[in-house]
């Protein structure tokens, strides 16, 4: 037994070593972004290049899939620039709505062996303050020039970029309803206030008139027409999205520089959805997998919360929501009906409920359980096995009574039959006796009749 186990262990080690050797023999490659981080002003553009490091291997084909944050970044140009790729299998395509880029290309044999080969350069524009992310997805490919198309991509990078509004040159703006320019709020009635001058600490007393504007353009501007002398403005029923408040002050007859302030508004809940559960059966005390997903148009999804509500119980205690991710494994649920509520929250605090109802039917009772079941009569529980036993005993008693009755009936019948036979015999004898007597009487009558005839004849003869 020990020898067999040792052989098995050695075999596994050899297989593992062979697999590792094959991977190392195939080689590795990586795709990277340059720059992979940085700070940029909203409204400005910047370039991000994709490089490949073949780590000493000859490659001839590359497929790149990129995901970026569409709420803060926008592609201006996906130009290939000075790319080493000479044949584009798929021209660069992108979607600013989905935040995706895809392209594939290569070059003839013997391919390329490089530590920093330029694949493509993409121009992005910072469209909103916050953090912009650009990620090369793991399903990208770098194929060896080995006639087999072996994928040797083992490493990809992710870029993170800080996007901010330009430093204010005009009044300092604040918002009591939307104090954080990078946070989402479901309040769609923003209120803004500003200072006379660059800040409250540096007032400009002769800045008495202001011009302001509210739009969705980070580079929007207020015109040179005064909108008032006050230091606040408010808007109501603003549609969901990223908005910008611009304001500038007038000093004497000259308009000063403009300041801008961003507000992120989302008062729309995530999209409607229905959770899925597996397995679909109704077996009680079985843990099940609940899957759920949805989307949010503006601020994006933040998290999910789940609550299980028993529908057949009224305990008076309301179950609470707990945060979970999909897929979620339920607890063991007993017999009965349950409503599973999945609540999806977006980053502004709006939520949408997805619900499903499950019913756990009791399993068919076993033979033992059937025997232990029963009925209640006058407040007393009587098990089925007791009823069945009593029924069998009663049936046996009835059968016994029937047998005894039949036997008694047979005895009476025999007595009646015997009495009838005796009576019949007596009647037969009496009938025979009477018949003999009648016969004898007839014979006497015949004798007497003959004697009478003889006498009459004698008398007649004597008369003559």
Protein backbone atom coordinates (compact mmCIF):
# COMPACT_ATOMS: atom_id res chain seq x y z
CA UNK A 1 0.00 0.00 0.00
CA UNK A 2 2.80 2.43 0.89
CA UNK A 3 4.64 1.55 -2.35
CA UNK A 4 1.53 2.34 -4.41
CA UNK A 5 1.04 5.68 -2.64
CA UNK A 6 4.72 6.57 -3.22
CA UNK A 7 4.40 5.78 -6.94
CA UNK A 8 1.27 7.94 -7.16
CA UNK A 9 3.01 10.85 -5.43
CA UNK A 10 6.02 10.61 -7.76
CA UNK A 11 3.73 10.50 -10.81
CA UNK A 12 1.88 13.65 -9.68
CA UNK A 13 5.17 15.46 -9.11
CA UNK A 14 6.40 14.48 -12.59
CA UNK A 15 3.16 15.66 -14.21
CA UNK A 16 3.32 18.98 -12.33
CA UNK A 17 6.98 19.46 -13.23
CA UNK A 18 6.23 18.70 -16.88
CA UNK A 19 3.36 21.22 -16.93
CA UNK A 20 5.51 23.92 -15.38
CA UNK A 21 8.32 23.16 -17.85
CA UNK A 22 5.90 23.44 -20.79
CA UNK A 23 4.62 26.83 -19.54
CA UNK A 24 8.14 28.13 -19.09
CA UNK A 25 9.09 26.78 -22.50
CA UNK A 26 6.18 28.67 -24.10
CA UNK A 27 7.37 31.93 -22.53
CA UNK A 28 5.54 34.91 -21.11
CA UNK A 29 4.51 38.38 -22.26
CA UNK A 30 2.91 41.45 -20.70
CA UNK A 31 0.80 44.43 -21.77
CA UNK A 32 1.17 47.74 -19.95
CA UNK A 33 -0.16 51.31 -19.99
CA UNK A 34 1.95 54.45 -20.12
CA UNK A 35 1.36 56.54 -18.19
CA UNK A 36 -0.48 54.31 -15.69
CA UNK A 37 -1.32 57.24 -13.40
CA UNK A 38 -1.48 61.02 -13.40
CA UNK A 39 -3.53 64.12 -12.64
CA UNK A 40 -5.45 65.94 -15.36
CA UNK A 41 -7.82 68.88 -15.59
CA UNK A 42 -11.43 68.27 -16.58
CA UNK A 43 -11.89 69.31 -20.17
CA UNK A 44 -8.29 68.61 -21.15
CA UNK A 45 -7.06 65.65 -23.20
CA UNK A 46 -4.18 63.25 -22.55
CA UNK A 47 -2.62 60.26 -24.32
CA UNK A 48 -2.28 56.74 -22.98
CA UNK A 49 -0.09 54.25 -24.86
CA UNK A 50 -0.24 50.47 -24.77
CA UNK A 51 3.11 48.62 -24.84
CA UNK A 52 3.97 44.94 -25.12
CA UNK A 53 7.00 43.21 -23.57
CA UNK A 54 7.60 39.83 -25.23
CA UNK A 55 10.30 38.82 -22.68
CA UNK A 56 12.64 37.52 -25.40
CA UNK A 57 9.93 35.69 -27.40
CA UNK A 58 8.99 36.20 -31.04
CA UNK A 59 5.31 37.15 -31.42
CA UNK A 60 3.24 37.95 -34.48
CA UNK A 61 -0.31 38.68 -33.28
CA UNK A 62 -1.88 40.83 -30.56
CA UNK A 63 -5.51 41.21 -29.48
CA UNK A 64 -6.27 43.93 -26.95
CA UNK A 65 -9.49 44.51 -24.97
CA UNK A 66 -9.65 47.62 -22.81
CA UNK A 67 -12.24 48.78 -20.29
CA UNK A 68 -12.38 52.41 -19.08
CA UNK A 69 -14.69 54.43 -16.82
CA UNK A 70 -17.21 56.09 -19.18
CA UNK A 71 -18.54 58.44 -16.51
CA UNK A 72 -15.21 60.29 -16.19
CA UNK A 73 -13.34 59.53 -19.43
CA UNK A 74 -14.15 59.86 -23.10
CA UNK A 75 -12.13 58.66 -26.10
CA UNK A 76 -11.23 61.41 -28.51
CA UNK A 77 -9.04 59.37 -30.88
CA UNK A 78 -8.06 55.66 -30.86
CA UNK A 79 -5.23 56.30 -33.33
CA UNK A 80 -2.67 53.54 -33.83
CA UNK A 81 0.07 56.16 -34.10
CA UNK A 82 3.54 54.64 -34.50
CA UNK A 83 2.37 51.09 -33.79
CA UNK A 84 4.62 48.22 -34.87
CA UNK A 85 1.49 46.39 -36.10
CA UNK A 86 1.48 46.36 -39.90
CA UNK A 87 -1.70 44.35 -40.52
CA UNK A 88 -4.87 45.20 -38.61
CA UNK A 89 -7.11 42.16 -38.33
CA UNK A 90 -9.70 44.32 -36.59
CA UNK A 91 -9.51 48.10 -36.83
CA UNK A 92 -9.65 49.82 -33.43
CA UNK A 93 -13.29 50.14 -32.30
CA UNK A 94 -14.59 51.82 -29.16
CA UNK A 95 -17.76 52.76 -27.30
CA UNK A 96 -17.86 55.81 -25.05
CA UNK A 97 -21.19 54.63 -23.66
CA UNK A 98 -19.96 51.16 -22.65
CA UNK A 99 -16.40 52.24 -21.93
CA UNK A 100 -14.74 49.63 -24.17
CA UNK A 101 -11.97 49.43 -26.79
CA UNK A 102 -11.06 46.45 -28.98
CA UNK A 103 -8.50 45.90 -31.69
CA UNK A 104 -6.39 43.07 -33.08
CA UNK A 105 -3.46 43.00 -35.47
CA UNK A 106 -0.11 41.50 -36.26
CA UNK A 107 2.88 41.38 -38.57
CA UNK A 108 4.46 38.77 -40.86
CA UNK A 109 6.98 36.16 -39.69
CA UNK A 110 9.42 36.29 -37.92
CA UNK A 111 7.25 38.72 -35.93
CA UNK A 112 8.76 40.97 -33.29
CA UNK A 113 10.88 40.53 -30.18
CA UNK A 114 10.75 43.64 -28.00
CA UNK A 115 10.71 44.92 -24.45
CA UNK A 116 8.55 47.99 -25.22
CA UNK A 117 6.70 47.62 -28.49
CA UNK A 118 4.10 50.33 -29.08
CA UNK A 119 0.75 48.70 -29.82
CA UNK A 120 -1.45 51.81 -29.92
CA UNK A 121 -1.86 55.29 -28.50
CA UNK A 122 -5.31 56.41 -27.38
CA UNK A 123 -6.34 60.00 -26.68
CA UNK A 124 -8.74 60.47 -23.76
CA UNK A 125 -10.57 63.57 -22.56
CA UNK A 126 -11.32 64.12 -18.88
CA UNK A 127 -15.09 64.69 -18.92
CA UNK A 128 -15.88 64.88 -15.20
CA UNK A 129 -14.02 65.26 -11.92
CA UNK A 130 -13.22 62.09 -10.02
CA UNK A 131 -11.08 59.04 -10.74
CA UNK A 132 -10.65 57.69 -14.24
CA UNK A 133 -9.65 54.06 -14.68
CA UNK A 134 -8.27 52.28 -17.74
CA UNK A 135 -7.78 48.51 -17.59
CA UNK A 136 -6.37 45.99 -20.05
CA UNK A 137 -8.66 42.99 -19.69
CA UNK A 138 -7.28 39.49 -19.02
CA UNK A 139 -8.98 38.10 -22.16
CA UNK A 140 -6.47 40.01 -24.31
CA UNK A 141 -3.95 37.85 -26.20
CA UNK A 142 -0.29 37.88 -27.26
CA UNK A 143 0.40 35.00 -29.66
CA UNK A 144 3.77 33.37 -30.31
CA UNK A 145 5.21 33.10 -33.80
CA UNK A 146 5.34 29.30 -33.41
CA UNK A 147 2.82 28.22 -36.03
CA UNK A 148 0.39 27.24 -33.26
CA UNK A 149 -0.75 30.65 -32.08
CA UNK A 150 0.21 29.96 -28.45
CA UNK A 151 -1.07 32.68 -26.13
CA UNK A 152 1.73 33.75 -23.76
CA UNK A 153 0.07 36.80 -22.15
CA UNK A 154 0.51 36.48 -18.38
CA UNK A 155 0.45 40.07 -17.11
CA UNK A 156 -1.73 43.14 -17.70
CA UNK A 157 -1.86 46.52 -15.95
CA UNK A 158 -4.51 48.96 -14.81
CA UNK A 159 -4.23 52.76 -14.88
CA UNK A 160 -5.77 55.21 -12.41
CA UNK A 161 -5.98 58.95 -13.10
CA UNK A 162 -7.06 61.86 -10.91
CA UNK A 163 -9.38 64.27 -12.73
CA UNK A 164 -10.08 67.67 -11.20
CA UNK A 165 -11.62 70.96 -12.20
CA UNK A 166 -9.32 73.84 -13.00
CA UNK A 167 -8.18 75.90 -10.03
CA UNK A 168 -10.77 78.63 -9.49
CA UNK A 169 -9.78 82.11 -10.53
CA UNK A 170 -13.04 83.68 -9.47
CA UNK A 171 -15.29 83.50 -6.43
CA UNK A 172 -15.07 80.46 -4.14
CA UNK A 173 -18.16 78.29 -4.65
CA UNK A 174 -19.75 75.91 -2.14
CA UNK A 175 -23.00 73.97 -1.91
CA UNK A 176 -24.95 73.14 1.23
CA UNK A 177 -26.95 70.47 -0.60
CA UNK A 178 -24.05 68.90 -2.54
CA UNK A 179 -20.91 69.58 -0.47
CA UNK A 180 -18.69 66.92 -2.14
CA UNK A 181 -18.07 67.43 -5.85
CA UNK A 182 -17.05 63.76 -6.29
CA UNK A 183 -20.09 62.28 -4.53
CA UNK A 184 -23.50 61.44 -5.99
CA UNK A 185 -26.70 62.82 -4.45
CA UNK A 186 -30.35 62.04 -5.12
CA UNK A 187 -31.33 65.57 -4.13
CA UNK A 188 -32.12 67.28 -7.44
CA UNK A 189 -32.60 70.76 -5.96
CA UNK A 190 -29.03 72.09 -5.66
CA UNK A 191 -28.22 75.29 -3.82
CA UNK A 192 -24.99 77.23 -4.46
CA UNK A 193 -23.30 80.09 -2.63
CA UNK A 194 -20.10 81.98 -3.32
CA UNK A 195 -17.82 84.67 -1.94
CA UNK A 196 -16.98 88.18 -2.99
CA UNK A 197 -13.45 87.55 -4.18
CA UNK A 198 -11.22 84.48 -4.30
CA UNK A 199 -12.30 83.37 -0.80
CA UNK A 200 -14.14 84.49 2.28
CA UNK A 201 -10.77 85.38 3.80
CA UNK A 202 -9.91 87.63 0.84
CA UNK A 203 -13.09 89.58 0.08
CA UNK A 204 -13.29 92.11 -2.71
CA UNK A 205 -15.80 94.64 -1.52
CA UNK A 206 -16.27 96.32 -4.88
CA UNK A 207 -17.26 92.98 -6.52
CA UNK A 208 -20.95 93.75 -6.42
CA UNK A 209 -22.45 92.07 -9.49
CA UNK A 210 -22.27 88.46 -10.61
CA UNK A 211 -23.01 86.42 -13.69
CA UNK A 212 -23.71 82.71 -13.36
CA UNK A 213 -24.69 79.76 -15.50
CA UNK A 214 -25.71 76.15 -14.87
CA UNK A 215 -25.11 73.46 -17.51
CA UNK A 216 -23.54 70.05 -18.16
CA UNK A 217 -20.38 71.37 -19.81
CA UNK A 218 -17.30 71.45 -17.56
CA UNK A 219 -15.90 74.17 -19.82
CA UNK A 220 -19.13 76.13 -19.96
CA UNK A 221 -19.00 79.81 -19.14
CA UNK A 222 -21.15 82.56 -17.76
CA UNK A 223 -21.76 85.47 -20.09
CA UNK A 224 -20.92 89.09 -19.34
CA UNK A 225 -24.43 89.99 -18.31
CA UNK A 226 -25.09 90.50 -14.61
CA UNK A 227 -27.63 88.07 -13.11
CA UNK A 228 -27.75 89.72 -9.70
CA UNK A 229 -25.87 91.03 -6.71
CA UNK A 230 -26.63 88.17 -4.33
CA UNK A 231 -24.24 85.42 -3.21
CA UNK A 232 -26.42 82.35 -3.82
CA UNK A 233 -28.49 80.60 -6.44
CA UNK A 234 -30.71 77.53 -6.46
CA UNK A 235 -32.28 75.20 -9.00
CA UNK A 236 -35.13 72.70 -8.75
CA UNK A 237 -36.10 69.45 -10.46
CA UNK A 238 -32.71 69.08 -12.12
CA UNK A 239 -32.39 66.00 -14.33
CA UNK A 240 -29.98 63.23 -13.36
CA UNK A 241 -26.40 63.66 -14.54
CA UNK A 242 -23.24 65.68 -13.85
CA UNK A 243 -23.89 69.41 -13.81
CA UNK A 244 -21.62 72.43 -13.45
CA UNK A 245 -22.32 75.78 -11.85
CA UNK A 246 -20.21 78.64 -13.24
CA UNK A 247 -19.95 82.11 -11.67
CA UNK A 248 -17.83 85.22 -12.08
CA UNK A 249 -17.88 88.66 -10.49
CA UNK A 250 -17.69 92.16 -11.87
CA UNK A 251 -15.24 94.65 -10.36
CA UNK A 252 -16.03 98.17 -11.48
CA UNK A 253 -16.54 97.71 -15.21
CA UNK A 254 -14.37 94.62 -15.60
CA UNK A 255 -15.45 90.97 -15.32
CA UNK A 256 -13.16 88.76 -13.32
CA UNK A 257 -12.21 85.12 -13.89
CA UNK A 258 -14.76 82.34 -13.68
CA UNK A 259 -15.06 79.56 -11.09
CA UNK A 260 -16.88 76.26 -11.65
CA UNK A 261 -18.43 73.74 -9.26
CA UNK A 262 -19.59 70.21 -10.13
CA UNK A 263 -22.67 68.47 -8.72
CA UNK A 264 -23.59 64.85 -9.39
CA UNK A 265 -27.33 64.21 -9.31
CA UNK A 266 -29.03 60.82 -9.58
CA UNK A 267 -32.63 60.48 -8.45
CA UNK A 268 -33.38 57.49 -10.67
CA UNK A 269 -33.32 54.00 -9.14
CA UNK A 270 -31.38 51.13 -10.73
CA UNK A 271 -33.05 49.19 -13.53
CA UNK A 272 -35.78 46.70 -12.62
CA UNK A 273 -34.58 43.12 -12.25
CA UNK A 274 -35.69 39.68 -11.07
CA UNK A 275 -33.38 37.44 -9.03
CA UNK A 276 -32.83 33.83 -10.07
CA UNK A 277 -32.65 30.83 -7.73
CA UNK A 278 -31.25 27.35 -8.16
CA UNK A 279 -32.08 24.59 -7.80
CA UNK A 280 -35.71 25.18 -8.72
CA UNK A 281 -37.17 22.37 -6.59
CA UNK A 282 -39.22 22.72 -3.42
CA UNK A 283 -37.13 20.60 -1.08
CA UNK A 284 -37.15 22.06 2.47
CA UNK A 285 -34.01 22.67 4.54
CA UNK A 286 -31.95 22.95 1.36
CA UNK A 287 -29.54 25.85 0.85
CA UNK A 288 -29.98 27.49 -2.54
CA UNK A 289 -28.04 29.89 -4.71
CA UNK A 290 -29.65 33.25 -5.50
CA UNK A 291 -28.16 35.20 -8.42
CA UNK A 292 -28.95 38.83 -9.15
CA UNK A 293 -27.65 41.67 -11.29
CA UNK A 294 -28.86 44.99 -12.63
CA UNK A 295 -27.53 48.28 -13.96
CA UNK A 296 -27.69 51.95 -13.07
CA UNK A 297 -27.65 54.64 -15.71
CA UNK A 298 -26.01 57.50 -13.84
CA UNK A 299 -24.13 57.03 -10.57
CA UNK A 300 -23.57 53.27 -10.98
CA UNK A 301 -24.32 50.41 -8.61
CA UNK A 302 -22.96 50.57 -5.09
CA UNK A 303 -24.10 47.37 -3.33
CA UNK A 304 -26.91 44.84 -2.83
CA UNK A 305 -28.87 43.97 0.30
CA UNK A 306 -31.00 40.86 0.81
CA UNK A 307 -33.94 40.01 3.09
CA UNK A 308 -35.83 36.73 3.45
CA UNK A 309 -39.46 37.21 4.51
CA UNK A 310 -41.47 34.17 5.75
CA UNK A 311 -44.99 34.43 4.34
CA UNK A 312 -46.61 31.72 6.49
CA UNK A 313 -45.38 33.01 9.86
CA UNK A 314 -46.44 36.09 11.78
CA UNK A 315 -43.80 36.43 14.46
CA UNK A 316 -44.26 40.19 14.77
CA UNK A 317 -40.54 40.75 14.13
CA UNK A 318 -39.61 42.25 10.78
CA UNK A 319 -36.45 40.69 9.27
CA UNK A 320 -33.80 43.20 8.25
CA UNK A 321 -31.67 43.60 5.13
CA UNK A 322 -28.05 42.43 5.13
CA UNK A 323 -25.45 43.26 2.51
CA UNK A 324 -24.45 40.45 0.12
CA UNK A 325 -22.91 39.93 -3.29
CA UNK A 326 -24.13 37.73 -6.14
CA UNK A 327 -24.29 34.77 -6.10
CA UNK A 328 -25.61 34.45 -2.54
CA UNK A 329 -26.12 31.17 -0.68
CA UNK A 330 -29.30 31.15 1.40
CA UNK A 331 -29.66 29.71 4.86
CA UNK A 332 -31.62 26.49 5.32
CA UNK A 333 -35.29 27.32 4.80
CA UNK A 334 -37.91 25.05 6.32
CA UNK A 335 -41.34 24.11 5.06
CA UNK A 336 -43.47 27.05 3.92
CA UNK A 337 -43.53 30.03 1.56
CA UNK A 338 -40.77 32.65 1.52
CA UNK A 339 -40.25 35.93 -0.31
CA UNK A 340 -36.64 36.80 -1.10
CA UNK A 341 -36.13 40.54 -1.59
CA UNK A 342 -32.91 41.76 -3.21
CA UNK A 343 -32.43 45.52 -2.93
CA UNK A 344 -29.95 47.16 -5.32
CA UNK A 345 -28.49 50.53 -4.25
CA UNK A 346 -26.77 53.01 -6.51
CA UNK A 347 -24.07 55.44 -5.37
CA UNK A 348 -26.66 58.14 -4.73
CA UNK A 349 -28.69 55.99 -2.35
CA UNK A 350 -31.56 55.20 -4.74
CA UNK A 351 -32.70 51.60 -4.60
CA UNK A 352 -34.68 49.07 -6.60
CA UNK A 353 -36.18 45.83 -5.27
CA UNK A 354 -36.14 42.53 -7.10
CA UNK A 355 -38.28 39.80 -5.55
CA UNK A 356 -39.01 36.13 -5.96
CA UNK A 357 -41.22 33.74 -4.01
CA UNK A 358 -40.37 30.12 -3.24
CA UNK A 359 -42.53 27.40 -1.72
CA UNK A 360 -41.01 24.50 0.19
CA UNK A 361 -43.48 21.64 0.14
CA UNK A 362 -43.19 18.95 2.83
CA UNK A 363 -41.73 15.68 1.53
CA UNK A 364 -44.07 12.68 1.16
CA UNK A 365 -44.38 10.96 4.56
CA UNK A 366 -42.56 7.68 5.08
CA UNK A 367 -44.46 4.53 6.04
CA UNK A 368 -43.44 5.02 9.66
CA UNK A 369 -44.62 8.64 9.59
CA UNK A 370 -47.91 7.60 8.04
CA UNK A 371 -48.47 5.15 10.89
CA UNK A 372 -47.65 7.86 13.44
CA UNK A 373 -50.17 10.24 11.90
CA UNK A 374 -53.79 10.18 13.02
CA UNK A 375 -56.93 12.12 13.90
CA UNK A 376 -58.25 13.99 16.91
CA UNK A 377 -61.54 12.79 18.40
CA UNK A 378 -63.05 14.69 21.35
CA UNK A 379 -59.70 16.30 22.05
CA UNK A 380 -57.79 13.00 22.06
CA UNK A 381 -55.23 12.09 19.41
CA UNK A 382 -55.67 8.64 17.89
CA UNK A 383 -52.85 7.40 15.68
CA UNK A 384 -53.59 5.66 12.42
CA UNK A 385 -51.83 2.52 13.62
CA UNK A 386 -54.22 2.34 16.56
CA UNK A 387 -57.17 2.80 14.24
CA UNK A 388 -55.79 0.14 11.91
CA UNK A 389 -55.18 -2.28 14.78
CA UNK A 390 -58.67 -1.71 16.18
CA UNK A 391 -60.15 -2.18 12.71
CA UNK A 392 -58.33 -5.49 12.29
CA UNK A 393 -59.50 -6.70 15.73
CA UNK A 394 -63.09 -5.64 14.97
CA UNK A 395 -62.91 -7.41 11.62
CA UNK A 396 -61.65 -10.58 13.30
CA UNK A 397 -64.47 -10.41 15.85
CA UNK A 398 -67.06 -10.01 13.12
CA UNK A 399 -65.54 -12.92 11.25
CA UNK A 400 -65.67 -15.04 14.39
CA UNK A 401 -69.29 -14.12 15.04
CA UNK A 402 -70.13 -14.99 11.44
CA UNK A 403 -68.44 -18.37 11.77
CA UNK A 404 -70.24 -19.12 15.05
CA UNK A 405 -73.53 -17.96 13.62
CA UNK A 406 -73.02 -20.11 10.56
CA UNK A 407 -72.16 -23.12 12.65
CA UNK A 408 -75.23 -22.57 14.85
CA UNK A 409 -77.35 -22.16 11.76
CA UNK A 410 -76.01 -25.39 10.31
CA UNK A 411 -76.89 -27.30 13.57
CA UNK A 412 -80.48 -25.99 13.54
CA UNK A 413 -80.83 -26.90 9.89
CA UNK A 414 -79.67 -30.41 10.59
CA UNK A 415 -82.18 -30.74 13.47
CA UNK A 416 -85.01 -29.44 11.28
CA UNK A 417 -84.00 -31.78 8.48
CA UNK A 418 -83.91 -34.75 10.85
CA UNK A 419 -87.36 -33.83 12.31
CA UNK A 420 -88.80 -33.47 8.84
CA UNK A 421 -87.37 -36.81 7.79
CA UNK A 422 -88.84 -38.49 10.90
CA UNK A 423 -92.23 -36.89 10.30
CA UNK A 424 -92.08 -37.92 6.68
CA UNK A 425 -91.28 -41.50 7.75
CA UNK A 426 -94.17 -41.51 10.19
CA UNK A 427 -96.51 -40.18 7.55
CA UNK A 428 -95.23 -42.76 5.08
CA UNK A 429 -95.86 -45.53 7.57
CA UNK A 430 -99.30 -44.24 8.42
CA UNK A 431 -100.09 -43.93 4.74
CA UNK A 432 -98.96 -47.50 4.18
CA UNK A 433 -101.06 -48.69 7.08
CA UNK A 434 -104.07 -46.78 5.86
CA UNK A 435 -103.54 -48.06 2.34
CA UNK A 436 -103.34 -51.63 3.63
CA UNK A 437 -106.51 -51.12 5.66
CA UNK A 438 -108.25 -49.63 2.63
CA UNK A 439 -107.09 -52.47 0.48
CA UNK A 440 -108.32 -54.96 3.05
CA UNK A 441 -111.65 -53.12 3.23
CA UNK A 442 -111.94 -53.27 -0.55
CA UNK A 443 -111.25 -56.95 -0.50
CA UNK A 444 -113.92 -57.40 2.19
CA UNK A 445 -116.30 -55.33 0.12
CA UNK A 446 -115.60 -57.50 -2.94
CA UNK A 447 -116.09 -60.69 -0.91
CA UNK A 448 -119.34 -59.36 0.55
CA UNK A 449 -120.47 -58.16 -2.84
CA UNK A 450 -119.74 -61.54 -4.34
CA UNK A 451 -121.54 -63.33 -1.54
CA UNK A 452 -124.51 -61.02 -2.03
CA UNK A 453 -124.59 -61.82 -5.69
CA UNK A 454 -124.38 -65.51 -4.95
CA UNK A 455 -127.32 -65.26 -2.49
CA UNK A 456 -129.41 -63.38 -4.97
CA UNK A 457 -128.71 -66.03 -7.60
CA UNK A 458 -129.65 -68.81 -5.21
CA UNK A 459 -132.91 -67.07 -4.36
CA UNK A 460 -133.72 -66.69 -8.03
CA UNK A 461 -133.07 -70.32 -8.74
CA UNK A 462 -135.31 -71.41 -5.87
CA UNK A 463 -138.22 -69.22 -7.12
CA UNK A 464 -138.31 -70.94 -10.41
